[in-house]
Amino acid sequence: MVAEEKQMGIVSLVAKGNDRIGTARTCALAVALCFIFASATAQQSPSAVHGNPAPSAGLDDGRPLHVAKFDRTADHALLAMEKRAHELGIQGVAVVAYFDGDSVRSWVSKMIVAGNGIEDQPAQNQKASNLLAVAYSKASEMADTLKNSGSHVRPPLTGEFGWNGGAIARGKHGYLVAAFSGGKGDQDFSVSTAGIEEMKKGL
């Protein structure tokens, strides 16, 4: 009788041990599944988790595709402007910019020095000019008027010169702006036009 009770006790302990092992295995499996699910969710973008398409690769900063393409397009445009300036035998500063929509609220821009620096080489007894400031003044005027710089559709505002040489055009989603300073007005405009034509290929 005592032996049977001991044997039953041993069987009971073994059963309890098996139950505990089974429970431990179940918990471990549940933890593993939770970890796998969390890892998979973390790799998805927030929009994808909520059922919306994930953004295109390389655009995880939220920028629209055409804005993200600006850097690459701007480089080509600035090189085209530098080449045209060299053909005309002039030096200066080239600026390109892009903004979305029909009026400027924010923009992206790039510049390049096509020559020795941002200061010109003035004639004797003349003050040097900051060519970068002049180029950006042209670009700023165009951002407001949506017309080539020096259009005189209104009197120049403070900070503007009203000088020609900048070009602006409508792109697929917004406005393309190019401005050059360093030559005569018609030369600057020729350089700016070269930049606009290159920007149209990408924007």
N, C-alpha and C. Protein backbone atom coordinates (compact mmCIF):
# COMPACT_ATOMS: atom_id res chain seq x y z
N MET A 1 0.85 -1.20 0.00
CA MET A 1 0.00 0.00 0.00
C MET A 1 0.88 1.24 0.00
N VAL A 2 1.86 1.25 0.86
CA VAL A 2 2.77 2.39 0.93
C VAL A 2 3.54 2.53 -0.37
N ALA A 3 3.93 1.39 -0.92
CA ALA A 3 4.67 1.42 -2.20
C ALA A 3 3.82 1.99 -3.30
N GLU A 4 2.51 1.59 -3.31
CA GLU A 4 1.63 2.11 -4.36
C GLU A 4 1.46 3.62 -4.22
N GLU A 5 1.32 4.11 -2.96
CA GLU A 5 1.16 5.55 -2.75
C GLU A 5 2.41 6.30 -3.21
N LYS A 6 3.61 5.75 -2.92
CA LYS A 6 4.83 6.39 -3.37
C LYS A 6 4.91 6.42 -4.88
N GLN A 7 4.47 5.28 -5.48
CA GLN A 7 4.52 5.21 -6.94
C GLN A 7 3.58 6.23 -7.56
N MET A 8 2.36 6.37 -6.97
CA MET A 8 1.39 7.35 -7.46
C MET A 8 1.93 8.77 -7.29
N GLY A 9 2.64 9.00 -6.14
CA GLY A 9 3.22 10.31 -5.91
C GLY A 9 4.27 10.66 -6.95
N ILE A 10 5.05 9.66 -7.29
CA ILE A 10 6.09 9.88 -8.31
C ILE A 10 5.46 10.19 -9.65
N VAL A 11 4.40 9.43 -10.02
CA VAL A 11 3.70 9.66 -11.28
C VAL A 11 3.12 11.06 -11.31
N SER A 12 2.54 11.49 -10.15
CA SER A 12 1.95 12.83 -10.06
C SER A 12 3.01 13.90 -10.27
N LEU A 13 4.19 13.72 -9.63
CA LEU A 13 5.27 14.69 -9.79
C LEU A 13 5.77 14.76 -11.22
N VAL A 14 5.86 13.62 -11.85
CA VAL A 14 6.30 13.57 -13.25
C VAL A 14 5.30 14.30 -14.13
N ALA A 15 3.99 14.08 -13.87
CA ALA A 15 2.95 14.74 -14.66
C ALA A 15 3.01 16.24 -14.49
N LYS A 16 3.20 16.66 -13.21
CA LYS A 16 3.30 18.10 -12.96
C LYS A 16 4.53 18.68 -13.66
N GLY A 17 5.63 17.92 -13.63
CA GLY A 17 6.85 18.38 -14.29
C GLY A 17 6.65 18.53 -15.79
N ASN A 18 5.94 17.55 -16.35
CA ASN A 18 5.67 17.62 -17.79
C ASN A 18 4.79 18.81 -18.12
N ASP A 19 3.79 19.07 -17.25
CA ASP A 19 2.91 20.23 -17.45
C ASP A 19 3.73 21.52 -17.43
N ARG A 20 4.65 21.61 -16.47
CA ARG A 20 5.46 22.83 -16.36
C ARG A 20 6.36 22.99 -17.59
N ILE A 21 6.92 21.88 -18.05
CA ILE A 21 7.78 21.95 -19.25
C ILE A 21 6.96 22.39 -20.45
N GLY A 22 5.72 21.81 -20.56
CA GLY A 22 4.85 22.19 -21.68
C GLY A 22 4.48 23.66 -21.62
N THR A 23 4.19 24.14 -20.41
CA THR A 23 3.84 25.56 -20.24
C THR A 23 5.02 26.45 -20.59
N ALA A 24 6.20 26.06 -20.16
CA ALA A 24 7.41 26.84 -20.45
C ALA A 24 7.67 26.91 -21.95
N ARG A 25 7.46 25.75 -22.62
CA ARG A 25 7.66 25.73 -24.07
C ARG A 25 6.64 26.63 -24.77
N THR A 26 5.41 26.60 -24.29
CA THR A 26 4.36 27.44 -24.88
C THR A 26 4.69 28.92 -24.71
N CYS A 27 5.15 29.28 -23.52
CA CYS A 27 5.52 30.68 -23.26
C CYS A 27 6.68 31.11 -24.14
N ALA A 28 7.67 30.22 -24.27
CA ALA A 28 8.83 30.55 -25.09
C ALA A 28 8.43 30.74 -26.55
N LEU A 29 7.52 29.88 -27.02
CA LEU A 29 7.04 30.00 -28.40
C LEU A 29 6.29 31.30 -28.60
N ALA A 30 5.47 31.66 -27.62
CA ALA A 30 4.70 32.90 -27.71
C ALA A 30 5.63 34.11 -27.75
N VAL A 31 6.66 34.10 -26.91
CA VAL A 31 7.62 35.20 -26.89
C VAL A 31 8.34 35.31 -28.22
N ALA A 32 8.73 34.15 -28.77
CA ALA A 32 9.43 34.14 -30.07
C ALA A 32 8.55 34.71 -31.17
N LEU A 33 7.28 34.32 -31.18
CA LEU A 33 6.35 34.82 -32.21
C LEU A 33 6.15 36.33 -32.07
N CYS A 34 6.04 36.81 -30.83
CA CYS A 34 5.89 38.25 -30.60
C CYS A 34 7.11 39.01 -31.10
N PHE A 35 8.29 38.42 -30.87
CA PHE A 35 9.53 39.09 -31.30
C PHE A 35 9.60 39.15 -32.82
N ILE A 36 9.23 38.06 -33.47
CA ILE A 36 9.25 38.02 -34.94
C ILE A 36 8.28 39.04 -35.51
N PHE A 37 7.07 39.11 -34.93
CA PHE A 37 6.06 40.05 -35.42
C PHE A 37 6.52 41.50 -35.22
N ALA A 38 7.12 41.78 -34.05
CA ALA A 38 7.59 43.14 -33.77
C ALA A 38 8.70 43.54 -34.73
N SER A 39 9.60 42.60 -35.04
CA SER A 39 10.68 42.91 -35.98
C SER A 39 10.16 43.20 -37.36
N ALA A 40 9.18 42.38 -37.80
CA ALA A 40 8.61 42.58 -39.14
C ALA A 40 7.87 43.91 -39.22
N THR A 41 7.16 44.27 -38.15
CA THR A 41 6.42 45.54 -38.14
C THR A 41 7.37 46.72 -38.16
N ALA A 42 8.47 46.61 -37.43
CA ALA A 42 9.43 47.71 -37.36
C ALA A 42 10.07 48.00 -38.70
N GLN A 43 10.19 46.96 -39.55
CA GLN A 43 10.82 47.15 -40.84
C GLN A 43 9.90 47.80 -41.85
N GLN A 44 8.60 47.85 -41.57
CA GLN A 44 7.66 48.49 -42.46
C GLN A 44 7.55 49.96 -42.11
N SER A 45 7.21 50.76 -43.11
CA SER A 45 6.99 52.18 -42.83
C SER A 45 5.64 52.34 -42.14
N PRO A 46 5.42 53.45 -41.44
CA PRO A 46 4.14 53.68 -40.78
C PRO A 46 2.97 53.61 -41.74
N SER A 47 3.12 54.11 -42.94
CA SER A 47 2.02 54.09 -43.89
C SER A 47 1.68 52.67 -44.31
N ALA A 48 2.73 51.81 -44.43
CA ALA A 48 2.48 50.45 -44.84
C ALA A 48 1.73 49.69 -43.76
N VAL A 49 2.06 49.95 -42.48
CA VAL A 49 1.40 49.27 -41.37
C VAL A 49 -0.09 49.60 -41.34
N HIS A 50 -0.45 50.82 -41.73
CA HIS A 50 -1.83 51.24 -41.70
C HIS A 50 -2.55 51.00 -43.02
N GLY A 51 -1.94 50.20 -43.89
CA GLY A 51 -2.63 49.80 -45.10
C GLY A 51 -2.39 50.70 -46.29
N ASN A 52 -1.54 51.73 -46.16
CA ASN A 52 -1.23 52.61 -47.27
C ASN A 52 0.07 52.16 -47.92
N PRO A 53 0.27 52.47 -49.20
CA PRO A 53 1.50 52.08 -49.87
C PRO A 53 2.71 52.70 -49.20
N ALA A 54 3.77 51.95 -49.11
CA ALA A 54 5.01 52.48 -48.54
C ALA A 54 5.62 53.46 -49.52
N PRO A 55 6.33 54.48 -49.02
CA PRO A 55 6.96 55.44 -49.92
C PRO A 55 8.04 54.78 -50.75
N SER A 56 8.39 55.40 -51.88
CA SER A 56 9.40 54.86 -52.77
C SER A 56 10.73 54.78 -52.05
N ALA A 57 11.56 53.84 -52.49
CA ALA A 57 12.88 53.68 -51.89
C ALA A 57 13.68 54.96 -52.01
N GLY A 58 14.38 55.29 -50.92
CA GLY A 58 15.20 56.49 -50.93
C GLY A 58 14.45 57.76 -50.58
N LEU A 59 13.13 57.66 -50.33
CA LEU A 59 12.35 58.84 -50.01
C LEU A 59 11.75 58.73 -48.61
N ASP A 60 12.46 58.06 -47.71
CA ASP A 60 11.93 57.87 -46.37
C ASP A 60 11.96 59.15 -45.54
N ASP A 61 12.47 60.26 -46.13
CA ASP A 61 12.39 61.54 -45.44
C ASP A 61 11.07 62.25 -45.72
N GLY A 62 10.21 61.61 -46.53
CA GLY A 62 8.88 62.16 -46.78
C GLY A 62 8.79 63.12 -47.94
N ARG A 63 9.90 63.43 -48.60
CA ARG A 63 9.84 64.38 -49.71
C ARG A 63 9.19 63.75 -50.93
N PRO A 64 8.43 64.55 -51.71
CA PRO A 64 7.90 64.04 -52.98
C PRO A 64 9.05 63.65 -53.90
N LEU A 65 8.78 62.75 -54.81
CA LEU A 65 9.81 62.24 -55.71
C LEU A 65 10.46 63.35 -56.51
N HIS A 66 9.65 64.30 -57.05
CA HIS A 66 10.22 65.34 -57.91
C HIS A 66 11.09 66.31 -57.12
N VAL A 67 10.82 66.48 -55.84
CA VAL A 67 11.68 67.33 -55.02
C VAL A 67 12.99 66.60 -54.71
N ALA A 68 12.89 65.31 -54.42
CA ALA A 68 14.09 64.52 -54.12
C ALA A 68 15.01 64.43 -55.34
N LYS A 69 14.44 64.53 -56.53
CA LYS A 69 15.25 64.47 -57.75
C LYS A 69 16.01 65.77 -58.00
N PHE A 70 15.70 66.81 -57.25
CA PHE A 70 16.31 68.12 -57.52
C PHE A 70 17.83 68.08 -57.47
N ASP A 71 18.40 67.45 -56.46
CA ASP A 71 19.85 67.46 -56.29
C ASP A 71 20.56 66.97 -57.54
N ARG A 72 20.11 65.83 -58.06
CA ARG A 72 20.75 65.27 -59.24
C ARG A 72 20.55 66.18 -60.45
N THR A 73 19.33 66.68 -60.62
CA THR A 73 19.03 67.56 -61.75
C THR A 73 19.79 68.87 -61.63
N ALA A 74 19.89 69.41 -60.43
CA ALA A 74 20.59 70.67 -60.22
C ALA A 74 22.05 70.56 -60.59
N ASP A 75 22.67 69.45 -60.27
CA ASP A 75 24.08 69.27 -60.61
C ASP A 75 24.30 69.35 -62.12
N HIS A 76 23.42 68.70 -62.87
CA HIS A 76 23.53 68.74 -64.34
C HIS A 76 23.29 70.16 -64.85
N ALA A 77 22.33 70.85 -64.26
CA ALA A 77 22.01 72.21 -64.70
C ALA A 77 23.18 73.15 -64.43
N LEU A 78 23.79 73.04 -63.26
CA LEU A 78 24.91 73.92 -62.92
C LEU A 78 26.12 73.66 -63.82
N LEU A 79 26.34 72.40 -64.16
CA LEU A 79 27.43 72.09 -65.08
C LEU A 79 27.17 72.67 -66.47
N ALA A 80 25.89 72.62 -66.90
CA ALA A 80 25.53 73.21 -68.19
C ALA A 80 25.75 74.72 -68.17
N MET A 81 25.42 75.36 -67.06
CA MET A 81 25.61 76.81 -66.94
C MET A 81 27.09 77.16 -66.93
N GLU A 82 27.87 76.37 -66.20
CA GLU A 82 29.31 76.61 -66.16
C GLU A 82 29.92 76.47 -67.55
N LYS A 83 29.47 75.46 -68.28
CA LYS A 83 29.98 75.25 -69.64
C LYS A 83 29.62 76.42 -70.54
N ARG A 84 28.38 76.90 -70.44
CA ARG A 84 27.95 78.03 -71.28
C ARG A 84 28.72 79.30 -70.93
N ALA A 85 28.97 79.52 -69.66
CA ALA A 85 29.74 80.69 -69.24
C ALA A 85 31.15 80.63 -69.82
N HIS A 86 31.74 79.44 -69.79
CA HIS A 86 33.08 79.26 -70.36
C HIS A 86 33.06 79.56 -71.85
N GLU A 87 32.02 79.11 -72.55
CA GLU A 87 31.90 79.37 -73.99
C GLU A 87 31.82 80.86 -74.28
N LEU A 88 31.16 81.59 -73.39
CA LEU A 88 31.00 83.04 -73.57
C LEU A 88 32.21 83.82 -73.06
N GLY A 89 33.13 83.12 -72.41
CA GLY A 89 34.32 83.78 -71.90
C GLY A 89 34.05 84.64 -70.68
N ILE A 90 33.06 84.26 -69.86
CA ILE A 90 32.75 85.03 -68.66
C ILE A 90 32.86 84.16 -67.42
N GLN A 91 33.02 84.81 -66.27
CA GLN A 91 33.06 84.13 -64.99
C GLN A 91 31.97 84.71 -64.10
N GLY A 92 31.58 83.95 -63.10
CA GLY A 92 30.56 84.45 -62.19
C GLY A 92 30.03 83.37 -61.28
N VAL A 93 28.80 83.54 -60.87
CA VAL A 93 28.14 82.61 -59.96
C VAL A 93 26.81 82.17 -60.57
N ALA A 94 26.57 80.87 -60.56
CA ALA A 94 25.32 80.30 -61.07
C ALA A 94 24.49 79.75 -59.91
N VAL A 95 23.20 80.01 -59.96
CA VAL A 95 22.27 79.53 -58.95
C VAL A 95 21.09 78.86 -59.64
N VAL A 96 20.67 77.72 -59.13
CA VAL A 96 19.43 77.09 -59.59
C VAL A 96 18.56 76.80 -58.38
N ALA A 97 17.27 76.88 -58.56
CA ALA A 97 16.32 76.64 -57.46
C ALA A 97 15.05 76.01 -58.01
N TYR A 98 14.31 75.39 -57.10
CA TYR A 98 13.03 74.77 -57.46
C TYR A 98 12.06 74.95 -56.31
N PHE A 99 10.81 75.28 -56.64
CA PHE A 99 9.77 75.29 -55.62
C PHE A 99 8.49 74.69 -56.18
N ASP A 100 7.76 74.04 -55.30
CA ASP A 100 6.53 73.34 -55.64
C ASP A 100 5.37 74.32 -55.82
N GLY A 101 4.40 73.94 -56.63
CA GLY A 101 3.16 74.69 -56.72
C GLY A 101 3.25 75.95 -57.54
N ASP A 102 2.30 76.87 -57.29
CA ASP A 102 2.19 78.10 -58.08
C ASP A 102 2.73 79.33 -57.37
N SER A 103 3.13 79.20 -56.13
CA SER A 103 3.74 80.31 -55.40
C SER A 103 4.74 79.74 -54.42
N VAL A 104 5.77 80.51 -54.15
CA VAL A 104 6.86 80.00 -53.32
C VAL A 104 6.51 80.08 -51.83
N ARG A 105 6.66 78.95 -51.14
CA ARG A 105 6.54 78.89 -49.69
C ARG A 105 7.83 78.31 -49.10
N SER A 106 8.47 77.50 -49.88
CA SER A 106 9.81 76.99 -49.55
C SER A 106 10.42 76.53 -50.85
N TRP A 107 11.75 76.53 -50.90
CA TRP A 107 12.40 76.04 -52.10
C TRP A 107 13.69 75.34 -51.75
N VAL A 108 14.25 74.68 -52.75
CA VAL A 108 15.56 74.06 -52.63
C VAL A 108 16.44 74.72 -53.69
N SER A 109 17.70 74.95 -53.36
CA SER A 109 18.58 75.63 -54.31
C SER A 109 20.00 75.11 -54.19
N LYS A 110 20.76 75.36 -55.24
CA LYS A 110 22.18 75.02 -55.29
C LYS A 110 22.90 76.08 -56.08
N MET A 111 24.19 76.23 -55.82
CA MET A 111 24.98 77.21 -56.57
C MET A 111 26.36 76.66 -56.88
N ILE A 112 27.00 77.32 -57.82
CA ILE A 112 28.37 76.96 -58.16
C ILE A 112 29.10 78.22 -58.60
N VAL A 113 30.36 78.29 -58.26
CA VAL A 113 31.21 79.40 -58.70
C VAL A 113 31.83 79.01 -60.04
N ALA A 114 31.55 79.79 -61.07
CA ALA A 114 32.11 79.53 -62.40
C ALA A 114 33.24 80.54 -62.62
N GLY A 115 34.35 80.31 -61.96
CA GLY A 115 35.46 81.25 -62.05
C GLY A 115 36.29 81.23 -60.79
N ASN A 116 36.74 82.41 -60.37
CA ASN A 116 37.68 82.51 -59.26
C ASN A 116 37.02 82.66 -57.89
N GLY A 117 35.84 83.22 -57.82
CA GLY A 117 35.21 83.43 -56.52
C GLY A 117 33.89 84.17 -56.67
N ILE A 118 33.29 84.53 -55.54
CA ILE A 118 31.99 85.19 -55.59
C ILE A 118 32.11 86.70 -55.78
N GLU A 119 33.35 87.22 -55.69
CA GLU A 119 33.56 88.64 -55.96
C GLU A 119 34.05 88.82 -57.39
N ASP A 120 33.53 89.85 -58.06
CA ASP A 120 33.99 90.12 -59.42
C ASP A 120 35.31 90.90 -59.37
N GLN A 121 35.86 91.14 -60.52
CA GLN A 121 37.09 91.92 -60.62
C GLN A 121 36.73 93.27 -61.22
N PRO A 122 36.46 94.26 -60.37
CA PRO A 122 35.96 95.54 -60.87
C PRO A 122 37.03 96.36 -61.58
N ALA A 123 36.56 97.28 -62.39
CA ALA A 123 37.49 98.23 -63.01
C ALA A 123 38.05 99.14 -61.92
N GLN A 124 39.08 99.86 -62.25
CA GLN A 124 39.74 100.72 -61.27
C GLN A 124 38.76 101.75 -60.70
N ASN A 125 38.86 101.97 -59.40
CA ASN A 125 38.02 102.94 -58.68
C ASN A 125 36.55 102.52 -58.59
N GLN A 126 36.25 101.28 -58.89
CA GLN A 126 34.88 100.77 -58.74
C GLN A 126 34.82 99.75 -57.61
N LYS A 127 33.68 99.72 -56.95
CA LYS A 127 33.50 98.78 -55.84
C LYS A 127 33.24 97.37 -56.39
N ALA A 128 33.81 96.37 -55.73
CA ALA A 128 33.58 94.98 -56.13
C ALA A 128 32.13 94.58 -55.82
N SER A 129 31.62 93.64 -56.57
CA SER A 129 30.25 93.14 -56.37
C SER A 129 30.28 91.72 -55.82
N ASN A 130 29.34 91.43 -54.96
CA ASN A 130 29.15 90.06 -54.48
C ASN A 130 28.24 89.37 -55.49
N LEU A 131 28.81 88.58 -56.37
CA LEU A 131 28.05 87.98 -57.47
C LEU A 131 27.03 86.97 -56.96
N LEU A 132 27.31 86.33 -55.84
CA LEU A 132 26.35 85.40 -55.26
C LEU A 132 25.10 86.14 -54.80
N ALA A 133 25.31 87.29 -54.17
CA ALA A 133 24.19 88.10 -53.70
C ALA A 133 23.35 88.59 -54.89
N VAL A 134 24.01 88.99 -55.96
CA VAL A 134 23.29 89.48 -57.14
C VAL A 134 22.49 88.36 -57.78
N ALA A 135 23.10 87.18 -57.90
CA ALA A 135 22.40 86.04 -58.50
C ALA A 135 21.18 85.66 -57.68
N TYR A 136 21.33 85.66 -56.36
CA TYR A 136 20.18 85.31 -55.51
C TYR A 136 19.13 86.42 -55.52
N SER A 137 19.55 87.64 -55.73
CA SER A 137 18.58 88.72 -55.86
C SER A 137 17.71 88.51 -57.10
N LYS A 138 18.34 88.10 -58.19
CA LYS A 138 17.59 87.81 -59.42
C LYS A 138 16.62 86.65 -59.18
N ALA A 139 17.12 85.60 -58.52
CA ALA A 139 16.28 84.44 -58.24
C ALA A 139 15.11 84.82 -57.33
N SER A 140 15.36 85.65 -56.35
CA SER A 140 14.31 86.06 -55.41
C SER A 140 13.24 86.89 -56.11
N GLU A 141 13.66 87.76 -57.01
CA GLU A 141 12.70 88.55 -57.78
C GLU A 141 11.80 87.63 -58.60
N MET A 142 12.39 86.64 -59.26
CA MET A 142 11.62 85.73 -60.11
C MET A 142 10.66 84.87 -59.30
N ALA A 143 11.08 84.51 -58.08
CA ALA A 143 10.21 83.71 -57.22
C ALA A 143 8.92 84.45 -56.89
N ASP A 144 8.99 85.79 -56.90
CA ASP A 144 7.81 86.60 -56.59
C ASP A 144 6.99 86.92 -57.84
N THR A 145 7.68 87.30 -58.92
CA THR A 145 6.96 87.73 -60.13
C THR A 145 6.61 86.57 -61.06
N LEU A 146 7.33 85.45 -60.92
CA LEU A 146 7.19 84.29 -61.83
C LEU A 146 7.51 84.67 -63.27
N LYS A 147 8.36 85.68 -63.41
CA LYS A 147 8.83 86.12 -64.72
C LYS A 147 10.34 86.28 -64.68
N ASN A 148 10.96 86.26 -65.85
CA ASN A 148 12.41 86.43 -65.90
C ASN A 148 12.82 87.70 -65.18
N SER A 149 14.00 87.69 -64.57
CA SER A 149 14.43 88.87 -63.82
C SER A 149 14.59 90.06 -64.76
N GLY A 150 14.35 91.24 -64.19
CA GLY A 150 14.43 92.45 -65.00
C GLY A 150 13.23 92.66 -65.90
N SER A 151 12.12 91.97 -65.60
CA SER A 151 10.91 92.10 -66.44
C SER A 151 10.23 93.45 -66.26
N HIS A 152 10.46 94.11 -65.12
CA HIS A 152 9.88 95.42 -64.80
C HIS A 152 8.35 95.40 -64.81
N VAL A 153 7.77 94.26 -64.41
CA VAL A 153 6.31 94.21 -64.27
C VAL A 153 5.88 95.00 -63.03
N ARG A 154 6.83 95.31 -62.17
CA ARG A 154 6.59 96.17 -61.01
C ARG A 154 7.93 96.78 -60.63
N PRO A 155 7.93 97.86 -59.87
CA PRO A 155 9.19 98.45 -59.43
C PRO A 155 9.95 97.46 -58.54
N PRO A 156 11.28 97.46 -58.58
CA PRO A 156 12.08 96.57 -57.72
C PRO A 156 11.80 96.84 -56.25
N LEU A 157 11.70 95.78 -55.48
CA LEU A 157 11.53 95.88 -54.03
C LEU A 157 12.90 96.04 -53.38
N THR A 158 12.90 96.41 -52.12
CA THR A 158 14.15 96.48 -51.37
C THR A 158 14.81 95.09 -51.38
N GLY A 159 16.07 95.06 -51.73
CA GLY A 159 16.77 93.79 -51.84
C GLY A 159 16.86 93.29 -53.27
N GLU A 160 16.13 93.91 -54.17
CA GLU A 160 16.17 93.57 -55.59
C GLU A 160 16.89 94.67 -56.37
N PHE A 161 17.44 94.29 -57.51
CA PHE A 161 18.10 95.27 -58.38
C PHE A 161 17.31 95.52 -59.66
N GLY A 162 16.45 94.57 -60.02
CA GLY A 162 15.71 94.70 -61.27
C GLY A 162 16.57 94.44 -62.49
N TRP A 163 17.68 93.71 -62.28
CA TRP A 163 18.58 93.43 -63.40
C TRP A 163 18.15 92.16 -64.12
N ASN A 164 18.32 92.16 -65.44
CA ASN A 164 17.98 90.96 -66.19
C ASN A 164 19.13 89.96 -66.12
N GLY A 165 18.87 88.77 -66.63
CA GLY A 165 19.89 87.72 -66.60
C GLY A 165 19.41 86.44 -65.97
N GLY A 166 18.28 86.48 -65.26
CA GLY A 166 17.72 85.26 -64.65
C GLY A 166 16.59 84.72 -65.50
N ALA A 167 16.38 83.41 -65.44
CA ALA A 167 15.31 82.76 -66.22
C ALA A 167 14.47 81.88 -65.30
N ILE A 168 13.18 81.81 -65.61
CA ILE A 168 12.25 80.98 -64.83
C ILE A 168 11.30 80.27 -65.79
N ALA A 169 10.91 79.06 -65.45
CA ALA A 169 10.00 78.29 -66.31
C ALA A 169 9.16 77.37 -65.44
N ARG A 170 7.99 77.03 -65.94
CA ARG A 170 7.09 76.10 -65.24
C ARG A 170 7.55 74.68 -65.52
N GLY A 171 7.73 73.91 -64.47
CA GLY A 171 8.07 72.50 -64.61
C GLY A 171 6.83 71.64 -64.50
N LYS A 172 7.02 70.36 -64.25
CA LYS A 172 5.89 69.43 -64.17
C LYS A 172 5.07 69.64 -62.90
N HIS A 173 5.72 70.07 -61.83
CA HIS A 173 5.03 70.21 -60.55
C HIS A 173 5.24 71.56 -59.89
N GLY A 174 6.13 72.36 -60.43
CA GLY A 174 6.42 73.65 -59.81
C GLY A 174 7.27 74.49 -60.74
N TYR A 175 8.05 75.41 -60.17
CA TYR A 175 8.83 76.34 -60.98
C TYR A 175 10.32 76.06 -60.90
N LEU A 176 10.97 76.21 -62.06
CA LEU A 176 12.41 76.04 -62.20
C LEU A 176 13.03 77.43 -62.29
N VAL A 177 14.04 77.69 -61.52
CA VAL A 177 14.66 79.01 -61.47
C VAL A 177 16.16 78.86 -61.71
N ALA A 178 16.71 79.72 -62.58
CA ALA A 178 18.15 79.73 -62.81
C ALA A 178 18.60 81.18 -62.93
N ALA A 179 19.68 81.51 -62.28
CA ALA A 179 20.19 82.89 -62.33
C ALA A 179 21.71 82.86 -62.38
N PHE A 180 22.25 83.74 -63.22
CA PHE A 180 23.70 83.86 -63.31
C PHE A 180 24.08 85.32 -63.18
N SER A 181 25.21 85.57 -62.54
CA SER A 181 25.71 86.93 -62.40
C SER A 181 27.21 86.92 -62.65
N GLY A 182 27.65 87.81 -63.51
CA GLY A 182 29.08 87.89 -63.81
C GLY A 182 29.37 88.49 -65.16
N GLY A 183 28.41 88.41 -66.08
CA GLY A 183 28.59 88.98 -67.41
C GLY A 183 27.61 90.11 -67.65
N LYS A 184 27.41 90.45 -68.91
CA LYS A 184 26.39 91.42 -69.27
C LYS A 184 25.02 90.74 -69.18
N GLY A 185 23.98 91.53 -69.18
CA GLY A 185 22.65 90.99 -68.98
C GLY A 185 22.28 89.89 -69.95
N ASP A 186 22.56 90.09 -71.25
CA ASP A 186 22.20 89.09 -72.24
C ASP A 186 23.06 87.83 -72.10
N GLN A 187 24.31 88.01 -71.67
CA GLN A 187 25.17 86.86 -71.44
C GLN A 187 24.68 86.05 -70.24
N ASP A 188 24.35 86.76 -69.17
CA ASP A 188 23.83 86.08 -67.97
C ASP A 188 22.56 85.30 -68.32
N PHE A 189 21.70 85.90 -69.13
CA PHE A 189 20.45 85.23 -69.49
C PHE A 189 20.72 83.98 -70.32
N SER A 190 21.69 84.04 -71.19
CA SER A 190 22.04 82.88 -72.00
C SER A 190 22.52 81.73 -71.11
N VAL A 191 23.32 82.06 -70.11
CA VAL A 191 23.80 81.04 -69.17
C VAL A 191 22.63 80.47 -68.37
N SER A 192 21.75 81.34 -67.90
CA SER A 192 20.60 80.90 -67.11
C SER A 192 19.68 80.00 -67.93
N THR A 193 19.49 80.33 -69.20
CA THR A 193 18.64 79.53 -70.08
C THR A 193 19.20 78.12 -70.24
N ALA A 194 20.52 78.01 -70.31
CA ALA A 194 21.14 76.68 -70.41
C ALA A 194 20.80 75.84 -69.18
N GLY A 195 20.76 76.49 -68.02
CA GLY A 195 20.40 75.77 -66.80
C GLY A 195 18.95 75.34 -66.79
N ILE A 196 18.07 76.22 -67.26
CA ILE A 196 16.64 75.90 -67.29
C ILE A 196 16.37 74.72 -68.20
N GLU A 197 17.00 74.72 -69.37
CA GLU A 197 16.78 73.64 -70.33
C GLU A 197 17.21 72.29 -69.74
N GLU A 198 18.27 72.30 -68.97
CA GLU A 198 18.73 71.06 -68.35
C GLU A 198 17.80 70.63 -67.22
N MET A 199 17.28 71.59 -66.47
CA MET A 199 16.37 71.26 -65.37
C MET A 199 15.06 70.68 -65.88
N LYS A 200 14.62 71.13 -67.04
CA LYS A 200 13.37 70.63 -67.61
C LYS A 200 13.41 69.12 -67.87
N LYS A 201 14.60 68.60 -68.08
CA LYS A 201 14.74 67.16 -68.34
C LYS A 201 14.41 66.31 -67.12
N GLY A 202 14.63 66.89 -65.94
CA GLY A 202 14.40 66.11 -64.73
C GLY A 202 13.24 66.54 -63.88
N LEU A 203 12.78 67.79 -64.07
CA LEU A 203 11.73 68.33 -63.21
C LEU A 203 10.57 68.88 -64.01
